[in-house]
Amino acid sequence: MANETSALLLRRQLTELNKDGVAGFSAGLVDDSNIYEWEVMIMGPPDTLYEGGYFRARLSFSHEYPVQPPKMRFESKMWHPNVYPNGEVCISILHPPGEDKYGYEQASERWLPIHTVETILISVISMLSSPNDESPANIEAAKEWRDNYTLFKKKVQRVVRQSCEE
């Protein structure tokens, strides 16, 4: 039953996204036979260091969606304090529901079943616009963001150029 419910919900969200279209990203299935693996293209937000970039990412949903969050990973190279070196995105709404064992996040900031693919991607676009360097996934990028912004900016410009060449 959970499988059917999650699959129906994901199909509905995909249909709505493709019908309405949302500025800043596009989404589709990696393979039409698997509703649980999505490919996403995020356009670098205007007036940010990432402007002009086209960043490929993957959303992987479990059969427990929407009770559990998907995982998101950039496939394009990404230099950002909240993206692990392997491309995995680290933002509060993608963290499992409930209390944070470290006490950093409130339960209300973490995954809630009301989130959709659209709210996830809008949150990721917001993350690109304003990194959280207090709880970094990429410590080196966060340190550069704080201590050597010029070098950080150069590295981001490089990943933006690379994203356009892919």
N, C-alpha and C. Protein backbone atom coordinates (compact mmCIF):
# COMPACT_ATOMS: atom_id res chain seq x y z
N MET A 1 0.83 -1.21 0.00
CA MET A 1 0.00 0.00 0.00
C MET A 1 0.86 1.26 0.00
N ALA A 2 1.92 1.29 0.85
CA ALA A 2 2.80 2.46 0.90
C ALA A 2 3.43 2.71 -0.46
N ASN A 3 3.82 1.61 -1.14
CA ASN A 3 4.40 1.75 -2.49
C ASN A 3 3.45 2.46 -3.43
N GLU A 4 2.21 2.00 -3.45
CA GLU A 4 1.22 2.59 -4.35
C GLU A 4 0.98 4.05 -4.02
N THR A 5 0.88 4.37 -2.74
CA THR A 5 0.61 5.74 -2.32
C THR A 5 1.76 6.66 -2.71
N SER A 6 2.99 6.25 -2.43
CA SER A 6 4.14 7.09 -2.76
C SER A 6 4.27 7.25 -4.27
N ALA A 7 4.06 6.18 -5.02
CA ALA A 7 4.16 6.26 -6.48
C ALA A 7 3.10 7.20 -7.06
N LEU A 8 1.86 7.09 -6.55
CA LEU A 8 0.79 7.98 -7.02
C LEU A 8 1.10 9.44 -6.72
N LEU A 9 1.58 9.69 -5.52
CA LEU A 9 1.91 11.06 -5.11
C LEU A 9 3.03 11.62 -6.00
N LEU A 10 4.07 10.83 -6.23
CA LEU A 10 5.18 11.29 -7.07
C LEU A 10 4.73 11.53 -8.51
N ARG A 11 3.88 10.65 -9.04
CA ARG A 11 3.36 10.86 -10.40
C ARG A 11 2.57 12.16 -10.50
N ARG A 12 1.75 12.43 -9.47
CA ARG A 12 0.96 13.66 -9.47
C ARG A 12 1.88 14.88 -9.43
N GLN A 13 2.91 14.83 -8.56
CA GLN A 13 3.83 15.96 -8.47
C GLN A 13 4.58 16.19 -9.78
N LEU A 14 4.99 15.11 -10.42
CA LEU A 14 5.70 15.23 -11.70
C LEU A 14 4.79 15.85 -12.75
N THR A 15 3.56 15.39 -12.82
CA THR A 15 2.58 15.93 -13.77
C THR A 15 2.36 17.43 -13.54
N GLU A 16 2.18 17.81 -12.27
CA GLU A 16 1.94 19.22 -11.95
C GLU A 16 3.15 20.08 -12.30
N LEU A 17 4.35 19.60 -11.98
CA LEU A 17 5.56 20.37 -12.30
C LEU A 17 5.70 20.57 -13.80
N ASN A 18 5.44 19.52 -14.57
CA ASN A 18 5.60 19.62 -16.02
C ASN A 18 4.48 20.43 -16.66
N LYS A 19 3.31 20.44 -16.04
CA LYS A 19 2.18 21.21 -16.56
C LYS A 19 2.38 22.70 -16.27
N ASP A 20 2.69 23.01 -15.01
CA ASP A 20 2.77 24.40 -14.59
C ASP A 20 4.14 25.01 -14.86
N GLY A 21 5.19 24.22 -14.77
CA GLY A 21 6.54 24.75 -14.93
C GLY A 21 6.87 25.72 -13.80
N VAL A 22 8.05 25.62 -13.29
CA VAL A 22 8.48 26.49 -12.21
C VAL A 22 9.82 27.11 -12.61
N ALA A 23 9.95 28.40 -12.43
CA ALA A 23 11.19 29.08 -12.79
C ALA A 23 12.33 28.57 -11.93
N GLY A 24 13.47 28.36 -12.54
CA GLY A 24 14.67 28.00 -11.79
C GLY A 24 15.06 26.55 -11.85
N PHE A 25 14.16 25.68 -12.27
CA PHE A 25 14.52 24.27 -12.36
C PHE A 25 13.57 23.51 -13.28
N SER A 26 14.00 22.34 -13.69
CA SER A 26 13.14 21.40 -14.39
C SER A 26 13.40 20.03 -13.81
N ALA A 27 12.42 19.14 -13.93
CA ALA A 27 12.56 17.81 -13.34
C ALA A 27 11.88 16.78 -14.22
N GLY A 28 12.42 15.58 -14.21
CA GLY A 28 11.85 14.46 -14.95
C GLY A 28 12.40 13.17 -14.38
N LEU A 29 11.95 12.07 -14.92
CA LEU A 29 12.40 10.77 -14.44
C LEU A 29 13.71 10.38 -15.14
N VAL A 30 14.58 9.71 -14.41
CA VAL A 30 15.81 9.17 -14.99
C VAL A 30 15.42 8.10 -16.01
N ASP A 31 14.43 7.28 -15.62
CA ASP A 31 13.95 6.17 -16.44
C ASP A 31 12.44 6.11 -16.24
N ASP A 32 11.69 6.14 -17.33
CA ASP A 32 10.23 6.19 -17.23
C ASP A 32 9.62 5.04 -16.42
N SER A 33 10.36 3.96 -16.24
CA SER A 33 9.81 2.82 -15.51
C SER A 33 10.05 2.91 -14.00
N ASN A 34 10.74 3.99 -13.55
CA ASN A 34 11.06 4.11 -12.12
C ASN A 34 10.70 5.50 -11.61
N ILE A 35 9.54 5.61 -10.96
CA ILE A 35 9.05 6.89 -10.44
C ILE A 35 9.89 7.39 -9.27
N TYR A 36 10.76 6.56 -8.70
CA TYR A 36 11.52 6.92 -7.50
C TYR A 36 12.88 7.57 -7.78
N GLU A 37 13.29 7.65 -9.04
CA GLU A 37 14.56 8.29 -9.40
C GLU A 37 14.29 9.44 -10.37
N TRP A 38 14.58 10.65 -9.91
CA TRP A 38 14.33 11.83 -10.73
C TRP A 38 15.65 12.51 -11.08
N GLU A 39 15.68 13.07 -12.29
CA GLU A 39 16.81 13.93 -12.64
C GLU A 39 16.30 15.36 -12.65
N VAL A 40 17.15 16.25 -12.18
CA VAL A 40 16.75 17.63 -12.00
C VAL A 40 17.81 18.52 -12.63
N MET A 41 17.38 19.61 -13.22
CA MET A 41 18.30 20.63 -13.72
C MET A 41 17.97 21.91 -12.97
N ILE A 42 18.96 22.42 -12.25
CA ILE A 42 18.75 23.66 -11.50
C ILE A 42 19.55 24.76 -12.18
N MET A 43 18.87 25.85 -12.50
CA MET A 43 19.53 27.00 -13.08
C MET A 43 20.07 27.85 -11.93
N GLY A 44 21.33 28.26 -12.06
CA GLY A 44 21.91 29.11 -11.01
C GLY A 44 21.05 30.33 -10.80
N PRO A 45 20.67 30.63 -9.56
CA PRO A 45 19.77 31.75 -9.29
C PRO A 45 20.37 33.10 -9.70
N PRO A 46 19.55 33.98 -10.27
CA PRO A 46 20.02 35.32 -10.64
C PRO A 46 20.59 36.06 -9.43
N ASP A 47 21.56 36.91 -9.69
CA ASP A 47 22.17 37.76 -8.66
C ASP A 47 22.87 36.95 -7.56
N THR A 48 23.35 35.76 -7.93
CA THR A 48 24.17 34.96 -7.00
C THR A 48 25.44 34.56 -7.74
N LEU A 49 26.39 34.00 -7.01
CA LEU A 49 27.62 33.52 -7.65
C LEU A 49 27.33 32.39 -8.64
N TYR A 50 26.21 31.70 -8.47
CA TYR A 50 25.88 30.54 -9.30
C TYR A 50 25.09 30.91 -10.56
N GLU A 51 24.79 32.20 -10.73
CA GLU A 51 24.02 32.67 -11.89
C GLU A 51 24.69 32.22 -13.19
N GLY A 52 23.86 31.74 -14.12
CA GLY A 52 24.37 31.31 -15.41
C GLY A 52 24.74 29.84 -15.46
N GLY A 53 24.76 29.18 -14.30
CA GLY A 53 25.10 27.75 -14.27
C GLY A 53 23.88 26.88 -14.49
N TYR A 54 24.14 25.67 -14.97
CA TYR A 54 23.10 24.65 -15.16
C TYR A 54 23.59 23.40 -14.43
N PHE A 55 23.00 23.12 -13.30
CA PHE A 55 23.50 22.08 -12.41
C PHE A 55 22.58 20.87 -12.41
N ARG A 56 23.14 19.74 -12.83
CA ARG A 56 22.38 18.49 -12.85
C ARG A 56 22.41 17.87 -11.46
N ALA A 57 21.26 17.34 -11.04
CA ALA A 57 21.16 16.70 -9.74
C ALA A 57 20.21 15.52 -9.86
N ARG A 58 20.24 14.68 -8.84
CA ARG A 58 19.36 13.53 -8.79
C ARG A 58 18.63 13.51 -7.46
N LEU A 59 17.33 13.26 -7.53
CA LEU A 59 16.50 13.05 -6.34
C LEU A 59 16.14 11.57 -6.28
N SER A 60 16.46 10.94 -5.16
CA SER A 60 16.15 9.52 -4.97
C SER A 60 15.15 9.38 -3.83
N PHE A 61 13.97 8.89 -4.17
CA PHE A 61 12.90 8.74 -3.20
C PHE A 61 12.84 7.29 -2.71
N SER A 62 12.47 7.13 -1.45
CA SER A 62 12.24 5.78 -0.92
C SER A 62 10.75 5.48 -1.06
N HIS A 63 10.40 4.24 -0.84
CA HIS A 63 8.99 3.86 -0.88
C HIS A 63 8.22 4.42 0.31
N GLU A 64 8.94 5.00 1.28
CA GLU A 64 8.30 5.61 2.45
C GLU A 64 7.95 7.09 2.21
N TYR A 65 8.28 7.62 1.02
CA TYR A 65 7.91 8.99 0.70
C TYR A 65 6.38 9.09 0.73
N PRO A 66 5.77 10.10 1.30
CA PRO A 66 6.32 11.34 1.82
C PRO A 66 6.64 11.33 3.32
N VAL A 67 6.56 10.18 3.96
CA VAL A 67 6.88 10.14 5.39
C VAL A 67 8.37 10.40 5.60
N GLN A 68 9.21 9.87 4.71
CA GLN A 68 10.65 10.08 4.78
C GLN A 68 11.10 10.93 3.59
N PRO A 69 12.13 11.76 3.78
CA PRO A 69 12.59 12.63 2.70
C PRO A 69 13.39 11.88 1.65
N PRO A 70 13.46 12.44 0.46
CA PRO A 70 14.35 11.88 -0.55
C PRO A 70 15.80 12.27 -0.24
N LYS A 71 16.72 11.69 -0.97
CA LYS A 71 18.12 12.12 -0.94
C LYS A 71 18.34 12.92 -2.21
N MET A 72 19.16 13.94 -2.10
CA MET A 72 19.48 14.75 -3.29
C MET A 72 20.98 14.86 -3.42
N ARG A 73 21.45 14.66 -4.66
CA ARG A 73 22.88 14.73 -4.91
C ARG A 73 23.11 15.46 -6.24
N PHE A 74 24.01 16.45 -6.21
CA PHE A 74 24.40 17.11 -7.45
C PHE A 74 25.29 16.16 -8.24
N GLU A 75 24.99 16.03 -9.51
CA GLU A 75 25.86 15.25 -10.40
C GLU A 75 26.87 16.17 -11.06
N SER A 76 26.50 17.43 -11.22
CA SER A 76 27.45 18.44 -11.69
C SER A 76 28.37 18.77 -10.52
N LYS A 77 29.58 19.14 -10.83
CA LYS A 77 30.50 19.56 -9.78
C LYS A 77 29.88 20.78 -9.07
N MET A 78 30.00 20.80 -7.74
CA MET A 78 29.41 21.89 -6.96
C MET A 78 30.38 22.28 -5.85
N TRP A 79 30.56 23.58 -5.67
CA TRP A 79 31.40 24.10 -4.59
C TRP A 79 30.51 24.98 -3.73
N HIS A 80 30.12 24.45 -2.57
CA HIS A 80 29.16 25.14 -1.72
C HIS A 80 29.27 24.59 -0.30
N PRO A 81 29.16 25.44 0.72
CA PRO A 81 29.27 24.96 2.11
C PRO A 81 28.25 23.89 2.49
N ASN A 82 27.10 23.85 1.84
CA ASN A 82 26.04 22.91 2.23
C ASN A 82 25.90 21.72 1.28
N VAL A 83 26.96 21.48 0.50
CA VAL A 83 26.99 20.33 -0.41
C VAL A 83 28.27 19.56 -0.11
N TYR A 84 28.10 18.30 0.28
CA TYR A 84 29.25 17.44 0.55
C TYR A 84 30.12 17.32 -0.70
N PRO A 85 31.40 17.02 -0.54
CA PRO A 85 32.27 16.84 -1.72
C PRO A 85 31.74 15.80 -2.72
N ASN A 86 30.96 14.82 -2.26
CA ASN A 86 30.39 13.83 -3.18
C ASN A 86 29.12 14.33 -3.88
N GLY A 87 28.71 15.58 -3.61
CA GLY A 87 27.54 16.16 -4.26
C GLY A 87 26.26 16.09 -3.46
N GLU A 88 26.26 15.34 -2.35
CA GLU A 88 25.04 15.20 -1.55
C GLU A 88 24.67 16.54 -0.89
N VAL A 89 23.40 16.90 -1.01
CA VAL A 89 22.90 18.16 -0.48
C VAL A 89 22.55 17.98 0.99
N CYS A 90 22.95 18.95 1.80
CA CYS A 90 22.68 18.92 3.23
C CYS A 90 21.91 20.18 3.62
N ILE A 91 20.59 20.04 3.63
CA ILE A 91 19.74 21.13 4.13
C ILE A 91 18.71 20.51 5.07
N SER A 92 18.22 21.32 5.98
CA SER A 92 17.34 20.84 7.04
C SER A 92 16.15 20.06 6.54
N ILE A 93 15.48 20.55 5.48
CA ILE A 93 14.24 19.87 5.09
C ILE A 93 14.49 18.49 4.49
N LEU A 94 15.74 18.15 4.19
CA LEU A 94 16.04 16.80 3.70
C LEU A 94 16.52 15.88 4.82
N HIS A 95 16.54 16.39 6.04
CA HIS A 95 16.91 15.56 7.19
C HIS A 95 15.67 14.84 7.71
N PRO A 96 15.81 13.59 8.15
CA PRO A 96 14.65 12.82 8.62
C PRO A 96 13.83 13.59 9.66
N PRO A 97 12.52 13.31 9.70
CA PRO A 97 11.66 14.05 10.64
C PRO A 97 12.01 13.77 12.09
N GLY A 98 11.59 14.68 12.94
CA GLY A 98 11.78 14.50 14.37
C GLY A 98 12.86 15.39 14.93
N GLU A 99 13.21 15.12 16.17
CA GLU A 99 14.21 15.94 16.86
C GLU A 99 15.61 15.67 16.32
N ASP A 100 16.43 16.70 16.27
CA ASP A 100 17.83 16.59 15.87
C ASP A 100 18.63 16.13 17.08
N LYS A 101 19.33 15.01 16.95
CA LYS A 101 20.07 14.48 18.10
C LYS A 101 21.18 15.41 18.57
N TYR A 102 21.60 16.35 17.71
CA TYR A 102 22.64 17.31 18.09
C TYR A 102 22.06 18.61 18.62
N GLY A 103 20.74 18.77 18.50
CA GLY A 103 20.09 19.96 19.01
C GLY A 103 20.28 21.20 18.14
N TYR A 104 20.79 21.02 16.92
CA TYR A 104 21.03 22.18 16.06
C TYR A 104 19.74 22.63 15.37
N GLU A 105 18.96 21.67 14.90
CA GLU A 105 17.74 22.00 14.16
C GLU A 105 16.51 21.70 15.01
N GLN A 106 15.50 22.50 14.84
CA GLN A 106 14.21 22.21 15.47
C GLN A 106 13.47 21.22 14.57
N ALA A 107 12.61 20.42 15.16
CA ALA A 107 11.84 19.44 14.39
C ALA A 107 11.07 20.11 13.25
N SER A 108 10.60 21.33 13.47
CA SER A 108 9.82 22.04 12.45
C SER A 108 10.66 22.44 11.23
N GLU A 109 11.99 22.45 11.37
CA GLU A 109 12.87 22.80 10.24
C GLU A 109 13.22 21.58 9.39
N ARG A 110 13.00 20.40 9.95
CA ARG A 110 13.37 19.16 9.28
C ARG A 110 12.24 18.69 8.36
N TRP A 111 12.42 17.52 7.77
CA TRP A 111 11.45 16.99 6.82
C TRP A 111 10.06 16.89 7.43
N LEU A 112 9.08 17.32 6.66
CA LEU A 112 7.67 17.16 7.00
C LEU A 112 6.98 16.60 5.76
N PRO A 113 6.02 15.71 5.91
CA PRO A 113 5.35 15.11 4.75
C PRO A 113 4.64 16.11 3.83
N ILE A 114 4.47 17.35 4.27
CA ILE A 114 3.83 18.34 3.41
C ILE A 114 4.78 18.85 2.32
N HIS A 115 6.09 18.58 2.46
CA HIS A 115 7.04 19.03 1.43
C HIS A 115 6.83 18.26 0.14
N THR A 116 7.09 18.95 -0.95
CA THR A 116 6.95 18.37 -2.28
C THR A 116 8.27 18.55 -3.02
N VAL A 117 8.36 17.99 -4.20
CA VAL A 117 9.55 18.19 -5.02
C VAL A 117 9.76 19.68 -5.24
N GLU A 118 8.70 20.41 -5.48
CA GLU A 118 8.81 21.85 -5.70
C GLU A 118 9.39 22.56 -4.48
N THR A 119 8.89 22.26 -3.28
CA THR A 119 9.41 22.95 -2.08
C THR A 119 10.86 22.55 -1.81
N ILE A 120 11.21 21.31 -2.11
CA ILE A 120 12.61 20.87 -1.95
C ILE A 120 13.52 21.70 -2.86
N LEU A 121 13.15 21.77 -4.13
CA LEU A 121 14.01 22.46 -5.09
C LEU A 121 14.06 23.97 -4.85
N ILE A 122 12.97 24.55 -4.40
CA ILE A 122 12.98 25.97 -4.03
C ILE A 122 13.93 26.18 -2.85
N SER A 123 13.93 25.25 -1.90
CA SER A 123 14.85 25.33 -0.76
C SER A 123 16.30 25.21 -1.20
N VAL A 124 16.57 24.35 -2.17
CA VAL A 124 17.94 24.18 -2.67
C VAL A 124 18.38 25.45 -3.40
N ILE A 125 17.49 26.05 -4.18
CA ILE A 125 17.81 27.31 -4.86
C ILE A 125 18.10 28.39 -3.82
N SER A 126 17.31 28.43 -2.76
CA SER A 126 17.54 29.38 -1.68
C SER A 126 18.89 29.12 -1.01
N MET A 127 19.24 27.86 -0.84
CA MET A 127 20.53 27.48 -0.25
C MET A 127 21.68 28.01 -1.11
N LEU A 128 21.52 27.91 -2.44
CA LEU A 128 22.57 28.43 -3.33
C LEU A 128 22.72 29.94 -3.14
N SER A 129 21.60 30.60 -2.92
CA SER A 129 21.62 32.06 -2.74
C SER A 129 22.24 32.48 -1.42
N SER A 130 22.01 31.71 -0.37
CA SER A 130 22.53 32.10 0.94
C SER A 130 22.98 30.86 1.72
N PRO A 131 24.25 30.52 1.58
CA PRO A 131 24.80 29.35 2.29
C PRO A 131 24.72 29.50 3.80
N ASN A 132 24.62 28.35 4.47
CA ASN A 132 24.68 28.30 5.93
C ASN A 132 26.05 27.76 6.30
N ASP A 133 26.94 28.64 6.71
CA ASP A 133 28.31 28.20 7.02
C ASP A 133 28.48 27.80 8.48
N GLU A 134 27.39 27.85 9.25
CA GLU A 134 27.46 27.45 10.66
C GLU A 134 27.35 25.95 10.84
N SER A 135 26.78 25.27 9.88
CA SER A 135 26.62 23.81 9.94
C SER A 135 26.99 23.24 8.56
N PRO A 136 28.26 23.35 8.18
CA PRO A 136 28.64 23.00 6.82
C PRO A 136 28.75 21.50 6.56
N ALA A 137 28.43 21.12 5.33
CA ALA A 137 28.67 19.77 4.85
C ALA A 137 30.07 19.71 4.23
N ASN A 138 30.47 20.82 3.62
CA ASN A 138 31.81 20.93 3.03
C ASN A 138 32.57 21.97 3.85
N ILE A 139 33.36 21.49 4.78
CA ILE A 139 34.06 22.37 5.72
C ILE A 139 35.04 23.29 4.99
N GLU A 140 35.72 22.76 3.99
CA GLU A 140 36.69 23.57 3.24
C GLU A 140 35.99 24.73 2.51
N ALA A 141 34.86 24.43 1.88
CA ALA A 141 34.10 25.49 1.19
C ALA A 141 33.59 26.54 2.18
N ALA A 142 33.13 26.09 3.35
CA ALA A 142 32.62 27.03 4.36
C ALA A 142 33.74 27.91 4.88
N LYS A 143 34.91 27.32 5.09
CA LYS A 143 36.06 28.10 5.58
C LYS A 143 36.47 29.14 4.54
N GLU A 144 36.48 28.75 3.28
CA GLU A 144 36.79 29.71 2.21
C GLU A 144 35.74 30.81 2.13
N TRP A 145 34.48 30.42 2.23
CA TRP A 145 33.36 31.39 2.19
C TRP A 145 33.58 32.48 3.24
N ARG A 146 34.02 32.06 4.43
CA ARG A 146 34.24 33.00 5.54
C ARG A 146 35.57 33.75 5.43
N ASP A 147 36.65 33.01 5.13
CA ASP A 147 38.00 33.56 5.28
C ASP A 147 38.67 34.04 4.00
N ASN A 148 38.24 33.52 2.86
CA ASN A 148 38.88 33.89 1.59
C ASN A 148 37.82 33.90 0.50
N TYR A 149 36.91 34.87 0.61
CA TYR A 149 35.77 34.95 -0.29
C TYR A 149 36.20 35.05 -1.76
N THR A 150 37.32 35.71 -2.02
CA THR A 150 37.80 35.85 -3.40
C THR A 150 38.12 34.48 -4.00
N LEU A 151 38.80 33.64 -3.25
CA LEU A 151 39.10 32.29 -3.73
C LEU A 151 37.82 31.46 -3.87
N PHE A 152 36.91 31.59 -2.90
CA PHE A 152 35.63 30.88 -2.96
C PHE A 152 34.90 31.26 -4.25
N LYS A 153 34.86 32.56 -4.53
CA LYS A 153 34.17 33.07 -5.72
C LYS A 153 34.80 32.52 -7.01
N LYS A 154 36.13 32.44 -7.05
CA LYS A 154 36.81 31.89 -8.23
C LYS A 154 36.44 30.42 -8.45
N LYS A 155 36.38 29.66 -7.36
CA LYS A 155 36.03 28.24 -7.49
C LYS A 155 34.59 28.08 -7.97
N VAL A 156 33.69 28.92 -7.46
CA VAL A 156 32.30 28.85 -7.90
C VAL A 156 32.20 29.22 -9.38
N GLN A 157 32.93 30.26 -9.80
CA GLN A 157 32.90 30.65 -11.22
C GLN A 157 33.37 29.49 -12.10
N ARG A 158 34.35 28.72 -11.61
CA ARG A 158 34.85 27.57 -12.36
C ARG A 158 33.76 26.50 -12.49
N VAL A 159 33.03 26.22 -11.39
CA VAL A 159 31.99 25.19 -11.49
C VAL A 159 30.81 25.67 -12.35
N VAL A 160 30.54 26.97 -12.35
CA VAL A 160 29.50 27.52 -13.23
C VAL A 160 29.91 27.30 -14.69
N ARG A 161 31.16 27.63 -15.03
CA ARG A 161 31.65 27.41 -16.40
C ARG A 161 31.58 25.94 -16.79
N GLN A 162 32.04 25.07 -15.89
CA GLN A 162 32.01 23.63 -16.16
C GLN A 162 30.58 23.14 -16.38
N SER A 163 29.64 23.66 -15.61
CA SER A 163 28.25 23.22 -15.73
C SER A 163 27.68 23.57 -17.10
N CYS A 164 28.15 24.65 -17.68
CA CYS A 164 27.68 25.07 -19.00
C CYS A 164 28.29 24.22 -20.12
N GLU A 165 29.45 23.65 -19.84
CA GLU A 165 30.15 22.83 -20.84
C GLU A 165 29.65 21.40 -20.85
N GLU A 166 29.00 20.97 -19.75
CA GLU A 166 28.55 19.57 -19.67
C GLU A 166 27.44 19.27 -20.65
